[in-house]
Amino acid sequence: MAKRTGHLQRFVIFGSYVTAQPNPNDIDVVLVINDAFRLEECPIESRGLFDHAVAQARYGASIFWIRPGLLIGEGVEEFIAYWQLKRDGSRRGIVEVIL
């Protein structure tokens, strides 16, 4: 669904879903969407991806999204690296899905 927008640049999965846990309890996703993306022009079936509460209820996933032009003082790589850090300073697994 994210790819159907025509604006998906990167699809990153992190959290317990990409660990060795036998039964991960959640999936966390970061969508990097290009700067030309406009939610009101998004296909209706994809819009739930861009509302955190709707995505959690509908897909059982915590979905976060960003347009690179909205990042202040950092690039996409730094933004993703930040998400790789846990609160205790250790690193969590991250998988980028190439579509």
Protein backbone atom coordinates (compact mmCIF):
# COMPACT_ATOMS: atom_id res chain seq x y z
CA MET A 1 0.00 0.00 0.00
CA ALA A 2 2.84 2.41 0.75
CA LYS A 3 4.35 1.74 -2.66
CA ARG A 4 1.00 2.53 -4.32
CA THR A 5 1.38 6.16 -3.27
CA GLY A 6 4.16 6.50 -5.84
CA HIS A 7 6.21 8.39 -3.24
CA LEU A 8 7.81 5.68 -1.10
CA GLN A 9 11.58 6.05 -0.86
CA ARG A 10 12.41 3.67 1.99
CA PHE A 11 10.55 1.05 4.03
CA VAL A 12 12.27 0.23 7.32
CA ILE A 13 11.16 -2.37 9.89
CA PHE A 14 12.54 -2.41 13.44
CA GLY A 15 11.74 -3.55 16.95
CA SER A 16 11.07 -7.04 18.26
CA TYR A 17 9.87 -8.17 14.84
CA VAL A 18 13.48 -8.25 13.58
CA THR A 19 14.96 -9.99 16.62
CA ALA A 20 15.44 -13.63 17.52
CA GLN A 21 12.34 -13.55 19.72
CA PRO A 22 10.17 -16.56 18.84
CA ASN A 23 6.94 -14.55 19.16
CA PRO A 24 7.53 -10.85 18.53
CA ASN A 25 4.71 -8.78 19.93
CA ASP A 26 4.77 -5.83 17.60
CA ILE A 27 6.02 -4.46 14.32
CA ASP A 28 7.43 -0.97 14.01
CA VAL A 29 7.79 0.66 10.62
CA VAL A 30 9.31 3.89 9.33
CA LEU A 31 8.20 5.03 5.88
CA VAL A 32 10.38 7.61 4.16
CA ILE A 33 8.11 9.36 1.67
CA ASN A 34 9.45 11.85 -0.88
CA ASP A 35 8.80 15.55 -0.46
CA ALA A 36 6.21 15.68 -3.26
CA PHE A 37 3.84 13.44 -1.24
CA ARG A 38 0.49 14.98 -0.32
CA LEU A 39 -1.85 12.96 1.89
CA GLU A 40 -4.94 14.35 0.19
CA GLU A 41 -3.69 12.93 -3.13
CA CYS A 42 -2.88 9.52 -1.62
CA PRO A 43 -4.96 6.53 -2.75
CA ILE A 44 -7.80 6.11 -0.25
CA GLU A 45 -6.78 2.53 0.57
CA SER A 46 -3.31 3.74 1.63
CA ARG A 47 -4.33 6.65 3.86
CA GLY A 48 -4.59 4.55 7.02
CA LEU A 49 -0.82 4.03 6.87
CA PHE A 50 -0.30 7.71 7.59
CA ASP A 51 -2.48 7.89 10.71
CA HIS A 52 -0.64 6.24 13.60
CA ALA A 53 -3.77 5.21 15.55
CA VAL A 54 -5.55 3.89 12.46
CA ALA A 55 -2.48 1.92 11.37
CA GLN A 56 -2.14 0.39 14.84
CA ALA A 57 -5.81 -0.64 14.94
CA ARG A 58 -6.08 -1.80 11.33
CA TYR A 59 -2.68 -3.38 10.71
CA GLY A 60 -1.31 -4.02 14.21
CA ALA A 61 1.75 -1.94 13.38
CA SER A 62 3.27 1.24 14.73
CA ILE A 63 3.89 3.19 11.55
CA PHE A 64 5.87 6.41 11.53
CA TRP A 65 6.52 8.42 8.39
CA ILE A 66 8.66 11.34 7.36
CA ARG A 67 9.41 13.45 4.31
CA PRO A 68 13.15 14.23 4.05
CA GLY A 69 12.45 17.96 3.65
CA LEU A 70 10.91 18.03 7.13
CA LEU A 71 14.11 16.84 8.81
CA ILE A 72 15.93 19.72 10.49
CA GLY A 73 19.68 19.48 10.93
CA GLU A 74 19.94 15.84 9.87
CA GLY A 75 19.47 13.61 6.87
CA VAL A 76 17.50 10.43 6.41
CA GLU A 77 20.45 8.23 7.42
CA GLU A 78 20.79 10.02 10.76
CA PHE A 79 17.04 9.85 11.29
CA ILE A 80 17.01 6.08 10.78
CA ALA A 81 20.12 5.66 12.93
CA TYR A 82 18.28 7.46 15.74
CA TRP A 83 15.44 4.92 15.56
CA GLN A 84 17.99 2.14 15.91
CA LEU A 85 18.89 3.28 19.44
CA LYS A 86 16.97 1.90 22.39
CA ARG A 87 16.29 3.95 25.51
CA ASP A 88 19.17 2.18 27.29
CA GLY A 89 21.59 3.18 24.51
CA SER A 90 21.89 -0.29 22.98
CA ARG A 91 21.02 -0.86 19.35
CA ARG A 92 17.94 -2.61 18.01
CA GLY A 93 17.73 -4.54 14.79
CA ILE A 94 16.61 -2.74 11.67
CA VAL A 95 15.72 -4.23 8.31
CA GLU A 96 15.19 -2.18 5.19
CA VAL A 97 12.80 -3.73 2.70
CA ILE A 98 13.72 -2.97 -0.90
CA LEU A 99 10.57 -2.83 -3.01
